[in-house]
C-alpha atoms as a PDB file:
ATOM      1  CA  MET A   1      50.074  91.173  12.885  1.00  0.00           C
ATOM      2  CA  LYS A   2      52.501  94.004  14.099  1.00  0.00           C
ATOM      3  CA  CYS A   3      49.487  96.011  14.567  1.00  0.00           C
ATOM      4  CA  GLN A   4      47.749  93.306  17.042  1.00  0.00           C
ATOM      5  CA  ARG A   5      51.218  92.602  19.316  1.00  0.00           C
ATOM      6  CA  THR A   6      51.220  96.851  20.032  1.00  0.00           C
ATOM      7  CA  ALA A   7      47.728  96.958  21.604  1.00  0.00           C
ATOM      8  CA  VAL A   8      48.582  94.664  23.833  1.00  0.00           C
ATOM      9  CA  THR A   9      51.826  96.002  24.404  1.00  0.00           C
ATOM     10  CA  LEU A  10      50.226  98.916  25.629  1.00  0.00           C
ATOM     11  CA  LEU A  11      47.517  97.616  27.690  1.00  0.00           C
ATOM     12  CA  THR A  12      50.234  95.868  29.499  1.00  0.00           C
ATOM     13  CA  VAL A  13      52.196  99.392  30.422  1.00  0.00           C
ATOM     14  CA  LEU A  14      49.280 100.412  31.350  1.00  0.00           C
ATOM     15  CA  ILE A  15      47.887  97.740  33.687  1.00  0.00           C
ATOM     16  CA  VAL A  16      51.522  98.165  35.350  1.00  0.00           C
ATOM     17  CA  ILE A  17      51.730 102.151  36.156  1.00  0.00           C
ATOM     18  CA  SER A  18      48.506 102.284  37.235  1.00  0.00           C
ATOM     19  CA  THR A  19      49.161  99.638  39.900  1.00  0.00           C
ATOM     20  CA  PRO A  20      51.219 101.046  42.238  1.00  0.00           C
ATOM     21  CA  GLY A  21      49.410 104.506  42.441  1.00  0.00           C
ATOM     22  CA  CYS A  22      46.293 101.947  43.299  1.00  0.00           C
ATOM     23  CA  SER A  23      48.818 100.699  46.180  1.00  0.00           C
ATOM     24  CA  ARG A  24      49.708 103.772  47.511  1.00  0.00           C
ATOM     25  CA  ASP A  25      46.488 104.938  48.270  1.00  0.00           C
ATOM     26  CA  ALA A  26      46.093 101.517  50.382  1.00  0.00           C
ATOM     27  CA  ASP A  27      49.179 102.532  52.155  1.00  0.00           C
ATOM     28  CA  ALA A  28      47.972 106.353  52.695  1.00  0.00           C
ATOM     29  CA  ALA A  29      44.376 104.952  54.213  1.00  0.00           C
ATOM     30  CA  SER A  30      46.344 102.223  56.405  1.00  0.00           C
ATOM     31  CA  ASP A  31      48.831 105.110  57.887  1.00  0.00           C
ATOM     32  CA  LYS A  32      45.385 107.637  59.351  1.00  0.00           C
ATOM     33  CA  PRO A  33      45.571 107.183  63.502  1.00  0.00           C
ATOM     34  CA  ALA A  34      42.447 104.638  64.442  1.00  0.00           C
ATOM     35  CA  VAL A  35      39.621 106.805  65.849  1.00  0.00           C
ATOM     36  CA  THR A  36      38.322 105.509  69.541  1.00  0.00           C
ATOM     37  CA  PRO A  37      34.646 105.631  69.708  1.00  0.00           C
ATOM     38  CA  ALA A  38      32.959 108.015  72.106  1.00  0.00           C
ATOM     39  CA  ALA A  39      31.846 105.034  74.467  1.00  0.00           C
ATOM     40  CA  ALA A  40      35.663 103.294  74.931  1.00  0.00           C
ATOM     41  CA  ARG A  41      37.487 106.715  76.018  1.00  0.00           C
ATOM     42  CA  PRO A  42      37.802 107.313  80.038  1.00  0.00           C
ATOM     43  CA  ALA A  43      35.373 109.574  82.059  1.00  0.00           C
ATOM     44  CA  PRO A  44      36.393 113.377  83.425  1.00  0.00           C
ATOM     45  CA  ALA A  45      37.928 112.449  86.931  1.00  0.00           C
ATOM     46  CA  PRO A  46      35.148 114.408  89.150  1.00  0.00           C
ATOM     47  CA  ALA A  47      35.878 117.485  91.139  1.00  0.00           C
ATOM     48  CA  PRO A  48      38.227 117.408  93.548  1.00  0.00           C
ATOM     49  CA  ASP A  49      36.296 118.879  96.711  1.00  0.00           C
ATOM     50  CA  GLY A  50      36.642 122.061  98.708  1.00  0.00           C
ATOM     51  CA  THR A  51      36.642 125.536  98.692  1.00  0.00           C
ATOM     52  CA  LEU A  52      36.119 127.064  94.821  1.00  0.00           C
ATOM     53  CA  PHE A  53      34.986 130.568  95.382  1.00  0.00           C
ATOM     54  CA  GLU A  54      35.142 133.014  98.377  1.00  0.00           C
ATOM     55  CA  LEU A  55      33.870 136.532  99.073  1.00  0.00           C
ATOM     56  CA  ALA A  56      33.833 138.686 102.460  1.00  0.00           C
ATOM     57  CA  GLY A  57      33.070 141.939 103.332  1.00  0.00           C
ATOM     58  CA  ARG A  58      33.898 143.719 106.866  1.00  0.00           C
ATOM     59  CA  PHE A  59      32.697 146.891 108.180  1.00  0.00           C
ATOM     60  CA  GLY A  60      33.377 148.585 111.606  1.00  0.00           C
ATOM     61  CA  SER A  61      35.283 148.342 114.370  1.00  0.00           C
ATOM     62  CA  PRO A  62      35.428 145.216 116.544  1.00  0.00           C
ATOM     63  CA  ALA A  63      34.942 147.132 119.680  1.00  0.00           C
ATOM     64  CA  ALA A  64      31.851 149.034 118.933  1.00  0.00           C
ATOM     65  CA  LEU A  65      29.210 148.088 115.958  1.00  0.00           C
ATOM     66  CA  TRP A  66      30.636 145.330 114.010  1.00  0.00           C
ATOM     67  CA  CYS A  67      29.749 143.531 110.839  1.00  0.00           C
ATOM     68  CA  GLU A  68      31.162 140.459 108.645  1.00  0.00           C
ATOM     69  CA  VAL A  69      29.611 138.931 105.828  1.00  0.00           C
ATOM     70  CA  GLY A  70      30.760 136.327 103.777  1.00  0.00           C
ATOM     71  CA  TYR A  71      29.489 134.127 100.281  1.00  0.00           C
ATOM     72  CA  LYS A  72      31.112 130.407 100.025  1.00  0.00           C
ATOM     73  CA  VAL A  73      30.655 128.170  97.715  1.00  0.00           C
ATOM     74  CA  LYS A  74      32.383 124.631  98.623  1.00  0.00           C
ATOM     75  CA  ARG A  75      32.240 121.093  97.132  1.00  0.00           C
ATOM     76  CA  LYS A  76      31.982 117.848  99.697  1.00  0.00           C
ATOM     77  CA  SER A  77      31.096 114.459  98.530  1.00  0.00           C
ATOM     78  CA  GLY A  78      29.886 115.327  95.536  1.00  0.00           C
ATOM     79  CA  VAL A  79      27.720 118.223  96.848  1.00  0.00           C
ATOM     80  CA  THR A  80      27.797 122.143  96.017  1.00  0.00           C
ATOM     81  CA  THR A  81      26.654 124.366  98.690  1.00  0.00           C
ATOM     82  CA  LYS A  82      26.662 127.650  98.099  1.00  0.00           C
ATOM     83  CA  SER A  83      26.053 130.115 101.362  1.00  0.00           C
ATOM     84  CA  LEU A  84      25.695 133.724 102.503  1.00  0.00           C
ATOM     85  CA  GLU A  85      26.026 134.196 106.087  1.00  0.00           C
ATOM     86  CA  LEU A  86      25.952 137.936 107.755  1.00  0.00           C
ATOM     87  CA  GLU A  87      27.322 138.398 111.883  1.00  0.00           C
ATOM     88  CA  VAL A  88      26.324 142.060 113.540  1.00  0.00           C
ATOM     89  CA  ASP A  89      27.816 143.019 116.459  1.00  0.00           C
ATOM     90  CA  ASN A  90      27.131 145.856 119.294  1.00  0.00           C
ATOM     91  CA  ALA A  91      23.615 147.283 117.932  1.00  0.00           C
ATOM     92  CA  ALA A  92      20.870 148.926 119.351  1.00  0.00           C
ATOM     93  CA  ALA A  93      19.307 145.433 121.509  1.00  0.00           C
ATOM     94  CA  GLY A  94      15.859 144.104 120.261  1.00  0.00           C
ATOM     95  CA  THR A  95      16.000 145.461 117.010  1.00  0.00           C
ATOM     96  CA  THR A  96      14.408 143.936 113.911  1.00  0.00           C
ATOM     97  CA  TYR A  97      16.560 144.871 110.368  1.00  0.00           C
ATOM     98  CA  PRO A  98      16.054 144.398 106.708  1.00  0.00           C
ATOM     99  CA  VAL A  99      18.407 143.051 104.889  1.00  0.00           C
ATOM    100  CA  THR A 100      19.239 143.122 100.592  1.00  0.00           C
ATOM    101  CA  VAL A 101      22.046 141.960  98.607  1.00  0.00           C
ATOM    102  CA  ASP A 102      22.110 144.360  95.772  1.00  0.00           C
ATOM    103  CA  GLY A 103      18.412 145.677  96.099  1.00  0.00           C
ATOM    104  CA  PHE A 104      16.745 141.872  96.580  1.00  0.00           C
ATOM    105  CA  ALA A 105      15.110 141.672 100.005  1.00  0.00           C
ATOM    106  CA  ALA A 106      17.095 138.246 101.894  1.00  0.00           C
ATOM    107  CA  GLY A 107      15.633 138.473 104.760  1.00  0.00           C
ATOM    108  CA  THR A 108      15.713 140.391 108.314  1.00  0.00           C
ATOM    109  CA  ILE A 109      17.290 139.850 111.493  1.00  0.00           C
ATOM    110  CA  THR A 110      16.946 140.715 115.064  1.00  0.00           C
ATOM    111  CA  THR A 111      19.200 141.418 117.407  1.00  0.00           C
ATOM    112  CA  ASN A 112      19.760 140.029 120.664  1.00  0.00           C
ATOM    113  CA  ALA A 113      20.216 141.644 124.243  1.00  0.00           C
ATOM    114  CA  LYS A 114      23.645 141.987 123.111  1.00  0.00           C
ATOM    115  CA  GLY A 115      22.348 144.046 120.138  1.00  0.00           C
ATOM    116  CA  ASP A 116      23.895 140.952 118.290  1.00  0.00           C
ATOM    117  CA  ALA A 117      22.775 138.947 115.193  1.00  0.00           C
ATOM    118  CA  LYS A 118      23.665 136.701 112.429  1.00  0.00           C
ATOM    119  CA  PHE A 119      21.775 135.980 109.219  1.00  0.00           C
ATOM    120  CA  GLU A 120      22.323 132.200 106.898  1.00  0.00           C
ATOM    121  CA  LEU A 121      21.107 131.870 103.510  1.00  0.00           C
ATOM    122  CA  VAL A 122      22.489 127.529 102.231  1.00  0.00           C
ATOM    123  CA  GLU A 123      21.958 126.346  98.610  1.00  0.00           C
ATOM    124  CA  ASN A 124      22.316 122.782  97.663  1.00  0.00           C
ATOM    125  CA  LYS A 125      20.526 120.019  96.667  1.00  0.00           C
ATOM    126  CA  GLU A 126      17.560 119.724  99.382  1.00  0.00           C
ATOM    127  CA  GLN A 127      17.268 123.925  99.408  1.00  0.00           C
ATOM    128  CA  LEU A 128      17.240 126.512  97.154  1.00  0.00           C
ATOM    129  CA  PHE A 129      17.937 130.022  97.844  1.00  0.00           C
ATOM    130  CA  PRO A 130      14.804 132.526  97.818  1.00  0.00           C
ATOM    131  CA  GLN A 131      13.276 132.940  94.383  1.00  0.00           C
ATOM    132  CA  GLY A 132      14.843 135.752  92.586  1.00  0.00           C
ATOM    133  CA  PHE A 133      17.884 136.055  94.306  1.00  0.00           C
ATOM    134  CA  ARG A 134      21.394 136.236  92.345  1.00  0.00           C
ATOM    135  CA  GLU A 135      24.125 134.933  93.661  1.00  0.00           C
ATOM    136  CA  PRO A 136      26.644 137.561  95.112  1.00  0.00           C
ATOM    137  CA  ALA A 137      29.556 139.070  93.263  1.00  0.00           C
ATOM    138  CA  ALA A 138      33.177 140.711  93.642  1.00  0.00           C
ATOM    139  CA  GLY A 139      31.393 144.486  94.482  1.00  0.00           C
ATOM    140  CA  ALA A 140      28.019 143.401  95.799  1.00  0.00           C
ATOM    141  CA  LEU A 141      25.953 145.713  98.337  1.00  0.00           C
ATOM    142  CA  ILE A 142      24.290 144.592 101.291  1.00  0.00           C
ATOM    143  CA  ARG A 143      22.712 146.596 103.276  1.00  0.00           C
ATOM    144  CA  VAL A 144      21.508 145.910 106.699  1.00  0.00           C
ATOM    145  CA  GLY A 145      18.560 148.538 107.208  1.00  0.00           C
ATOM    146  CA  GLU A 146      19.810 151.984 107.946  1.00  0.00           C
ATOM    147  CA  LEU A 147      22.584 150.516 110.187  1.00  0.00           C
ATOM    148  CA  LEU A 148      25.072 149.817 107.761  1.00  0.00           C
ATOM    149  CA  GLN A 149      26.146 148.746 104.469  1.00  0.00           C
ATOM    150  CA  VAL A 150      28.887 147.258 103.400  1.00  0.00           C
ATOM    151  CA  ARG A 151      30.207 145.643 100.069  1.00  0.00           C
ATOM    152  CA  LEU A 152      32.156 142.287  98.712  1.00  0.00           C
ATOM    153  CA  ASP A 153      34.975 141.450  98.015  1.00  0.00           C
ATOM    154  CA  VAL A 154      37.595 138.096  96.838  1.00  0.00           C
ATOM    155  CA  LEU A 155      39.251 136.982 100.033  1.00  0.00           C
ATOM    156  CA  ASN A 156      42.650 135.832 100.010  1.00  0.00           C
ATOM    157  CA  HIS A 157      43.973 133.127 102.588  1.00  0.00           C
ATOM    158  CA  LEU A 158      47.182 134.245 103.303  1.00  0.00           C
ATOM    159  CA  VAL A 159      48.218 131.776 106.421  1.00  0.00           C
ATOM    160  CA  GLY A 160      46.722 128.686 107.601  1.00  0.00           C
ATOM    161  CA  LEU A 161      48.181 126.286 110.107  1.00  0.00           C
ATOM    162  CA  GLU A 162      46.805 123.327 112.614  1.00  0.00           C
ATOM    163  CA  ALA A 163      47.573 121.424 115.160  1.00  0.00           C
ATOM    164  CA  THR A 164      44.658 118.246 115.885  1.00  0.00           C
ATOM    165  CA  VAL A 165      44.910 117.928 119.487  1.00  0.00           C
ATOM    166  CA  ALA A 166      44.505 114.259 121.602  1.00  0.00           C
ATOM    167  CA  GLY A 167      45.158 112.339 124.169  1.00  0.00           C
ATOM    168  CA  ALA A 168      44.372 110.350 126.795  1.00  0.00           C
ATOM    169  CA  GLY A 169      40.720 108.992 127.356  1.00  0.00           C
ATOM    170  CA  LYS A 170      38.095 110.927 125.393  1.00  0.00           C
ATOM    171  CA  LEU A 171      40.158 114.538 124.418  1.00  0.00           C
ATOM    172  CA  GLY A 172      40.199 115.676 121.353  1.00  0.00           C
ATOM    173  CA  GLY A 173      40.229 119.613 119.844  1.00  0.00           C
ATOM    174  CA  LYS A 174      42.077 121.945 117.622  1.00  0.00           C
ATOM    175  CA  VAL A 175      44.671 124.548 117.287  1.00  0.00           C
ATOM    176  CA  THR A 176      44.290 126.817 114.342  1.00  0.00           C
ATOM    177  CA  TYR A 177      45.861 130.181 113.314  1.00  0.00           C
ATOM    178  CA  LYS A 178      44.123 131.839 109.818  1.00  0.00           C
ATOM    179  CA  ALA A 179      44.923 134.854 108.720  1.00  0.00           C
ATOM    180  CA  GLU A 180      43.207 136.686 105.399  1.00  0.00           C
ATOM    181  CA  GLN A 181      42.709 139.215 102.979  1.00  0.00           C
ATOM    182  CA  VAL A 182      39.349 141.095 102.222  1.00  0.00           C
ATOM    183  CA  GLY A 183      40.362 144.440 100.083  1.00  0.00           C
ATOM    184  CA  ASP A 184      43.607 146.380 101.723  1.00  0.00           C
ATOM    185  CA  THR A 185      42.388 145.370 105.627  1.00  0.00           C
ATOM    186  CA  VAL A 186      44.125 141.928 106.571  1.00  0.00           C
ATOM    187  CA  THR A 187      42.059 140.254 109.770  1.00  0.00           C
ATOM    188  CA  LYS A 188      44.514 137.300 111.782  1.00  0.00           C
ATOM    189  CA  GLU A 189      42.717 135.078 114.847  1.00  0.00           C
ATOM    190  CA  PHE A 190      44.041 132.317 117.012  1.00  0.00           C
ATOM    191  CA  THR A 191      42.345 129.478 118.311  1.00  0.00           C
ATOM    192  CA  VAL A 192      42.332 126.812 120.979  1.00  0.00           C
ATOM    193  CA  LYS A 193      39.520 124.215 121.234  1.00  0.00           C
ATOM    194  CA  VAL A 194      39.297 121.244 123.668  1.00  0.00           C
ATOM    195  CA  THR A 195      37.286 118.072 124.837  1.00  0.00           C
ATOM    196  CA  GLY A 196      37.101 115.735 127.003  1.00  0.00           C
ATOM    197  CA  ALA A 197      40.156 117.689 129.554  1.00  0.00           C
ATOM    198  CA  PRO A 198      39.752 117.595 132.572  1.00  0.00           C
ATOM    199  CA  PRO A 199      36.441 120.071 134.905  1.00  0.00           C
ATOM    200  CA  LYS A 200      37.303 122.659 135.987  1.00  0.00           C
ATOM    201  CA  THR A 201      40.791 123.356 135.397  1.00  0.00           C
ATOM    202  CA  SER A 202      42.855 126.205 134.028  1.00  0.00           C
ATOM    203  CA  LEU A 203      45.663 125.172 132.032  1.00  0.00           C
ATOM    204  CA  PRO A 204      48.078 127.523 130.781  1.00  0.00           C
ATOM    205  CA  VAL A 205      48.869 127.940 126.557  1.00  0.00           C
ATOM    206  CA  GLU A 206      52.388 128.248 124.823  1.00  0.00           C
ATOM    207  CA  LEU A 207      52.781 128.692 121.809  1.00  0.00           C
ATOM    208  CA  ALA A 208      56.544 128.850 120.353  1.00  0.00           C
ATOM    209  CA  GLY A 209      57.637 128.658 124.149  1.00  0.00           C
ATOM    210  CA  VAL A 210      55.436 131.845 124.808  1.00  0.00           C
ATOM    211  CA  ALA A 211      52.972 131.532 127.308  1.00  0.00           C
ATOM    212  CA  VAL A 212      49.677 133.229 125.358  1.00  0.00           C
ATOM    213  CA  GLY A 213      46.728 133.035 127.808  1.00  0.00           C
ATOM    214  CA  ASN A 214      45.354 130.709 130.055  1.00  0.00           C
ATOM    215  CA  LEU A 215      42.604 127.864 129.006  1.00  0.00           C
ATOM    216  CA  THR A 216      39.794 127.628 131.148  1.00  0.00           C
ATOM    217  CA  ILE A 217      38.139 123.900 131.393  1.00  0.00           C
ATOM    218  CA  ASP A 218      34.211 124.151 132.558  1.00  0.00           C
ATOM    219  CA  VAL A 219      32.399 121.500 133.910  1.00  0.00           C
ATOM    220  CA  GLU A 220      31.784 119.293 130.993  1.00  0.00           C
ATOM    221  CA  GLY A 221      35.535 119.528 129.983  1.00  0.00           C
ATOM    222  CA  GLN A 222      35.570 121.773 127.579  1.00  0.00           C
ATOM    223  CA  GLY A 223      37.026 125.349 127.277  1.00  0.00           C
ATOM    224  CA  ARG A 224      38.254 128.082 124.086  1.00  0.00           C
ATOM    225  CA  LEU A 225      40.916 130.117 123.765  1.00  0.00           C
ATOM    226  CA  LYS A 226      40.469 132.461 120.865  1.00  0.00           C
ATOM    227  CA  PHE A 227      42.320 136.429 120.372  1.00  0.00           C
ATOM    228  CA  SER A 228      41.586 138.060 117.113  1.00  0.00           C
ATOM    229  CA  ASN A 229      41.872 141.358 115.604  1.00  0.00           C
ATOM    230  CA  LYS A 230      38.609 141.382 114.293  1.00  0.00           C
ATOM    231  CA  LYS A 231      36.539 140.719 117.507  1.00  0.00           C
ATOM    232  CA  PRO A 232      37.531 141.017 121.150  1.00  0.00           C
ATOM    233  CA  PRO A 233      39.982 140.049 123.086  1.00  0.00           C
ATOM    234  CA  PRO A 234      42.741 141.199 121.119  1.00  0.00           C
ATOM    235  CA  PHE A 235      45.942 139.052 121.411  1.00  0.00           C
ATOM    236  CA  PRO A 236      48.132 140.257 123.928  1.00  0.00           C
ATOM    237  CA  ALA A 237      51.174 141.990 123.876  1.00  0.00           C
ATOM    238  CA  GLY A 238      53.793 139.621 122.732  1.00  0.00           C
ATOM    239  CA  PHE A 239      51.985 137.131 120.980  1.00  0.00           C
ATOM    240  CA  PRO A 240      54.245 135.447 118.586  1.00  0.00           C
ATOM    241  CA  GLU A 241      53.774 135.055 115.072  1.00  0.00           C
ATOM    242  CA  PRO A 242      52.543 131.939 114.365  1.00  0.00           C
ATOM    243  CA  THR A 243      54.415 130.069 111.629  1.00  0.00           C
ATOM    244  CA  ALA A 244      54.360 126.388 110.453  1.00  0.00           C
ATOM    245  CA  GLY A 245      56.714 123.511 113.223  1.00  0.00           C
ATOM    246  CA  ALA A 246      55.829 126.188 115.915  1.00  0.00           C
ATOM    247  CA  ALA A 247      55.768 124.712 119.175  1.00  0.00           C
ATOM    248  CA  ILE A 248      51.941 124.223 121.200  1.00  0.00           C
ATOM    249  CA  HIS A 249      52.097 123.493 124.724  1.00  0.00           C
ATOM    250  CA  ILE A 250      48.426 123.341 126.718  1.00  0.00           C
ATOM    251  CA  GLY A 251      49.017 122.906 130.041  1.00  0.00           C
ATOM    252  CA  ASP A 252      50.542 119.106 130.688  1.00  0.00           C
ATOM    253  CA  LEU A 253      47.634 118.104 128.290  1.00  0.00           C
ATOM    254  CA  PHE A 254      49.290 117.926 125.250  1.00  0.00           C
ATOM    255  CA  ALA A 255      52.171 119.061 123.368  1.00  0.00           C
ATOM    256  CA  GLY A 256      52.423 119.386 119.316  1.00  0.00           C
ATOM    257  CA  THR A 257      53.057 121.101 116.462  1.00  0.00           C
ATOM    258  CA  LEU A 258      51.169 123.648 113.993  1.00  0.00           C
ATOM    259  CA  GLN A 259      51.364 122.346 110.422  1.00  0.00           C
ATOM    260  CA  GLU A 260      49.850 123.396 106.916  1.00  0.00           C
ATOM    261  CA  ALA A 261      45.883 123.341 107.194  1.00  0.00           C
ATOM    262  CA  ARG A 262      45.230 121.261 104.453  1.00  0.00           C
END
């Protein structure tokens, strides 16, 4: 009888000791973080619109032979567009030149009577670059026949200002100022463009209280005034450096201020 009681006691102790261990395992399992099903995770936000990547190259002098090349990747309404643009000014008139990009024959240009020509390649959801064309990178070499060659570099936007022109009737337009840097070269450009203005008029343009030129309006009510250190006409003497908040006056037609471009 004593042996039977001892066996029962040992069995009871074993049951008591083993029970808490099972409870701890269950508690540990319940402490594990819940895993969210892949289908329930939120979708990543779409990439914003705008310019994603930009290269540029410039050659020569605006007063003589001049070439400007730009390669841009931008997104608008979810569509990515890649474009390569080349412009030549003041070359020999009526001449055809081959255009190559890192040795790839991209096409040809033919200059007009002024010796100017433009070339463009575009890739988007409706068209592609030519087969075999490799997208340019910094350092890519662009050749225009034996006329010139230029290398692409990263384009840095230093300043971007604008003012939207609006007023009575169909008046519209924009005043812009931009400063950009490619390599060691900084270029600047100031432009005033209007539509719907009184035809056949000439309007003085003031920037920060300084008269900088006259805007000539044609018979269709359109006009443009432009200064640049890339192409003629150059900035006039005493042209003030544009800044955010600078006042713009176009005769009695428009008054506004320059703001950071969006």
